[in-house]
Amino acid sequence: MLMPVLISAIAHDWVKMNHGYDEDSFKAALFKHRIYENPEVSEHMQQKQMELMYMAMQQNPMGMGGMGGMGGPGGMPY
């Protein structure tokens, strides 16, 4: 899916605009501090991704793989 790529791009743009760190520096810090290994952070990120996918389905239900808005985020494999 395209959603994780879009979320990542938005996050990197936000960090660059608000803190001045480029994408490579930001990624290096994430891995250095093992942020992705923190279960609370992982759960929060998954929840936010589901919320964004749900919002996208509400805005364009046919654009989400032709699902027609059926299933909702609970039916997604994430």
Protein backbone atom coordinates (compact mmCIF):
# COMPACT_ATOMS: atom_id res chain seq x y z
CA MET A 1 0.00 0.00 0.00
CA LEU A 2 0.98 3.56 -0.54
CA MET A 3 -0.15 4.77 2.90
CA PRO A 4 3.05 3.87 4.87
CA VAL A 5 5.16 5.69 2.26
CA LEU A 6 2.97 8.79 2.46
CA ILE A 7 3.02 8.78 6.26
CA SER A 8 6.81 8.48 6.25
CA ALA A 9 7.19 11.32 3.75
CA ILE A 10 4.92 13.60 5.78
CA ALA A 11 6.83 12.77 8.97
CA HIS A 12 10.20 13.52 7.37
CA ASP A 13 8.90 16.81 5.94
CA TRP A 14 7.54 17.82 9.35
CA VAL A 15 10.84 17.05 11.09
CA LYS A 16 12.78 19.00 8.44
CA MET A 17 10.49 22.05 8.67
CA ASN A 18 10.20 22.11 12.46
CA HIS A 19 13.62 20.88 13.58
CA GLY A 20 15.94 21.27 10.58
CA TYR A 21 17.06 17.63 10.43
CA ASP A 22 17.24 16.01 7.00
CA GLU A 23 15.74 12.59 6.31
CA ASP A 24 19.01 10.69 6.65
CA SER A 25 19.80 12.24 10.04
CA PHE A 26 16.27 11.58 11.27
CA LYS A 27 16.35 7.94 10.14
CA ALA A 28 19.77 7.43 11.73
CA ALA A 29 18.47 8.77 15.06
CA LEU A 30 15.41 6.49 14.93
CA PHE A 31 17.58 3.43 14.46
CA LYS A 32 20.29 4.54 16.90
CA HIS A 33 17.76 4.94 19.69
CA ARG A 34 15.84 1.81 18.62
CA ILE A 35 12.56 3.70 18.61
CA TYR A 36 10.87 1.06 16.46
CA GLU A 37 11.61 -1.59 19.09
CA ASN A 38 9.53 0.22 21.72
CA PRO A 39 6.15 -1.59 21.88
CA GLU A 40 4.28 1.55 22.97
CA VAL A 41 5.62 3.52 20.01
CA SER A 42 4.84 0.68 17.60
CA GLU A 43 1.28 0.41 18.90
CA HIS A 44 0.78 4.18 18.66
CA MET A 45 2.12 4.27 15.10
CA GLN A 46 -0.15 1.39 14.06
CA GLN A 47 -3.17 3.12 15.62
CA LYS A 48 -2.42 6.37 13.79
CA GLN A 49 -1.94 4.53 10.50
CA MET A 50 -5.33 2.87 10.94
CA GLU A 51 -6.95 6.24 11.69
CA LEU A 52 -5.44 7.74 8.55
CA MET A 53 -6.56 4.79 6.43
CA TYR A 54 -10.07 5.10 7.85
CA MET A 55 -10.14 8.82 7.05
CA ALA A 56 -8.91 8.12 3.51
CA MET A 57 -11.64 5.52 3.03
CA GLN A 58 -14.27 8.00 4.17
CA GLN A 59 -13.01 10.61 1.70
CA ASN A 60 -12.68 8.21 -1.24
CA PRO A 61 -14.21 4.77 -0.55
CA MET A 62 -13.72 3.52 -4.11
CA GLY A 63 -10.07 4.62 -4.15
CA MET A 64 -9.13 2.04 -1.49
CA GLY A 65 -8.86 -1.00 -3.72
CA GLY A 66 -12.49 -0.87 -4.79
CA MET A 67 -13.69 -1.81 -1.32
CA GLY A 68 -16.60 0.60 -1.58
CA GLY A 69 -16.14 1.60 2.04
CA MET A 70 -16.95 -1.86 3.32
CA GLY A 71 -14.96 -3.53 6.00
CA GLY A 72 -13.53 -0.40 7.60
CA PRO A 73 -10.17 -0.34 9.24
CA GLY A 74 -10.91 -3.50 11.20
CA GLY A 75 -10.80 -5.45 7.94
CA MET A 76 -7.36 -4.17 6.98
CA PRO A 77 -4.38 -6.50 7.43
CA TYR A 78 -2.43 -4.10 9.67
